[in-house]
Amino acid sequence: MLLIHPPVYAEGMIDPNTADPFVSTEEETEVDAETAAAIEKGIEAADEGRVVSSDQVRKLITDWISKFSTQNRP
């Protein structure tokens, strides 16, 4: 039988074969009402199919960076 040991950098990581991707291992984080409402609004938009592709997001980010980096600074 061949034993394969995980690389050193993987020590302490969760075994991907036993981890449930739908169960968070992170502690809960409290958010204010405005943030919670924005998150719910985003989830509803995604559920309705109102989403943006990763290619579109890359273009938007490039546009935003360009816009804000070219503004006149005092």
C-alpha atoms as a PDB file:
ATOM      1  CA  MET A   1       0.000   0.000   0.000  1.00  0.00           C
ATOM      2  CA  LEU A   2       1.302   3.450  -0.957  1.00  0.00           C
ATOM      3  CA  LEU A   3       0.922   6.153   1.693  1.00  0.00           C
ATOM      4  CA  ILE A   4       0.840   9.725   0.469  1.00  0.00           C
ATOM      5  CA  HIS A   5       1.510  12.349   3.107  1.00  0.00           C
ATOM      6  CA  PRO A   6       0.088  15.842   2.696  1.00  0.00           C
ATOM      7  CA  PRO A   7       2.613  18.619   2.054  1.00  0.00           C
ATOM      8  CA  VAL A   8       3.827  20.566   5.078  1.00  0.00           C
ATOM      9  CA  TYR A   9       1.791  23.664   4.165  1.00  0.00           C
ATOM     10  CA  ALA A  10      -1.400  21.580   4.447  1.00  0.00           C
ATOM     11  CA  GLU A  11      -0.835  20.672   8.092  1.00  0.00           C
ATOM     12  CA  GLY A  12      -3.746  21.820  10.212  1.00  0.00           C
ATOM     13  CA  MET A  13      -6.046  22.322   7.232  1.00  0.00           C
ATOM     14  CA  ILE A  14      -9.451  20.683   7.108  1.00  0.00           C
ATOM     15  CA  ASP A  15      -9.548  17.412   5.212  1.00  0.00           C
ATOM     16  CA  PRO A  16     -11.496  18.322   2.039  1.00  0.00           C
ATOM     17  CA  ASN A  17     -12.968  14.834   1.928  1.00  0.00           C
ATOM     18  CA  THR A  18     -14.743  15.314   5.256  1.00  0.00           C
ATOM     19  CA  ALA A  19     -15.618  19.017   5.113  1.00  0.00           C
ATOM     20  CA  ASP A  20     -19.233  19.948   4.345  1.00  0.00           C
ATOM     21  CA  PRO A  21     -19.137  22.948   1.965  1.00  0.00           C
ATOM     22  CA  PHE A  22     -22.532  24.087   3.239  1.00  0.00           C
ATOM     23  CA  VAL A  23     -21.519  24.303   6.887  1.00  0.00           C
ATOM     24  CA  SER A  24     -19.379  27.235   7.947  1.00  0.00           C
ATOM     25  CA  THR A  25     -16.569  26.722  10.397  1.00  0.00           C
ATOM     26  CA  GLU A  26     -16.261  30.475  10.927  1.00  0.00           C
ATOM     27  CA  GLU A  27     -17.624  32.238  13.973  1.00  0.00           C
ATOM     28  CA  GLU A  28     -20.790  34.244  13.465  1.00  0.00           C
ATOM     29  CA  THR A  29     -20.349  37.918  12.704  1.00  0.00           C
ATOM     30  CA  GLU A  30     -22.880  40.526  13.717  1.00  0.00           C
ATOM     31  CA  VAL A  31     -23.754  43.171  11.146  1.00  0.00           C
ATOM     32  CA  ASP A  32     -25.858  46.292  11.439  1.00  0.00           C
ATOM     33  CA  ALA A  33     -29.379  46.468  10.009  1.00  0.00           C
ATOM     34  CA  GLU A  34     -28.280  48.415   6.916  1.00  0.00           C
ATOM     35  CA  THR A  35     -25.631  45.833   6.016  1.00  0.00           C
ATOM     36  CA  ALA A  36     -28.047  42.946   6.631  1.00  0.00           C
ATOM     37  CA  ALA A  37     -30.612  44.625   4.347  1.00  0.00           C
ATOM     38  CA  ALA A  38     -27.987  45.087   1.608  1.00  0.00           C
ATOM     39  CA  ILE A  39     -26.983  41.426   1.869  1.00  0.00           C
ATOM     40  CA  GLU A  40     -30.631  40.309   1.644  1.00  0.00           C
ATOM     41  CA  LYS A  41     -31.158  42.591  -1.362  1.00  0.00           C
ATOM     42  CA  GLY A  42     -28.139  41.004  -3.091  1.00  0.00           C
ATOM     43  CA  ILE A  43     -29.382  37.481  -2.362  1.00  0.00           C
ATOM     44  CA  GLU A  44     -32.822  38.348  -3.757  1.00  0.00           C
ATOM     45  CA  ALA A  45     -31.235  39.821  -6.899  1.00  0.00           C
ATOM     46  CA  ALA A  46     -29.179  36.654  -7.421  1.00  0.00           C
ATOM     47  CA  ASP A  47     -32.233  34.461  -6.844  1.00  0.00           C
ATOM     48  CA  GLU A  48     -34.056  36.475  -9.521  1.00  0.00           C
ATOM     49  CA  GLY A  49     -31.160  35.991 -11.934  1.00  0.00           C
ATOM     50  CA  ARG A  50     -29.958  39.588 -11.778  1.00  0.00           C
ATOM     51  CA  VAL A  51     -26.253  38.809 -11.698  1.00  0.00           C
ATOM     52  CA  VAL A  52     -23.071  40.058 -13.341  1.00  0.00           C
ATOM     53  CA  SER A  53     -20.570  37.703 -14.974  1.00  0.00           C
ATOM     54  CA  SER A  54     -16.965  37.633 -13.802  1.00  0.00           C
ATOM     55  CA  ASP A  55     -15.884  39.108 -17.148  1.00  0.00           C
ATOM     56  CA  GLN A  56     -18.255  42.037 -16.625  1.00  0.00           C
ATOM     57  CA  VAL A  57     -16.965  42.508 -13.069  1.00  0.00           C
ATOM     58  CA  ARG A  58     -13.362  42.608 -14.308  1.00  0.00           C
ATOM     59  CA  LYS A  59     -14.305  45.362 -16.761  1.00  0.00           C
ATOM     60  CA  LEU A  60     -16.230  47.294 -14.106  1.00  0.00           C
ATOM     61  CA  ILE A  61     -13.309  47.147 -11.684  1.00  0.00           C
ATOM     62  CA  THR A  62     -10.919  48.334 -14.392  1.00  0.00           C
ATOM     63  CA  ASP A  63     -13.290  51.198 -15.212  1.00  0.00           C
ATOM     64  CA  TRP A  64     -13.668  52.162 -11.525  1.00  0.00           C
ATOM     65  CA  ILE A  65      -9.916  52.120 -10.933  1.00  0.00           C
ATOM     66  CA  SER A  66      -9.344  54.206 -14.023  1.00  0.00           C
ATOM     67  CA  LYS A  67     -12.046  56.689 -13.019  1.00  0.00           C
ATOM     68  CA  PHE A  68     -10.804  57.189  -9.472  1.00  0.00           C
ATOM     69  CA  SER A  69      -7.090  57.191 -10.294  1.00  0.00           C
ATOM     70  CA  THR A  70      -7.492  59.977 -12.874  1.00  0.00           C
ATOM     71  CA  GLN A  71      -9.488  62.347 -10.685  1.00  0.00           C
ATOM     72  CA  ASN A  72      -7.773  65.596  -9.768  1.00  0.00           C
ATOM     73  CA  ARG A  73      -6.268  65.398  -6.337  1.00  0.00           C
ATOM     74  CA  PRO A  74      -5.622  68.508  -4.216  1.00  0.00           C
END
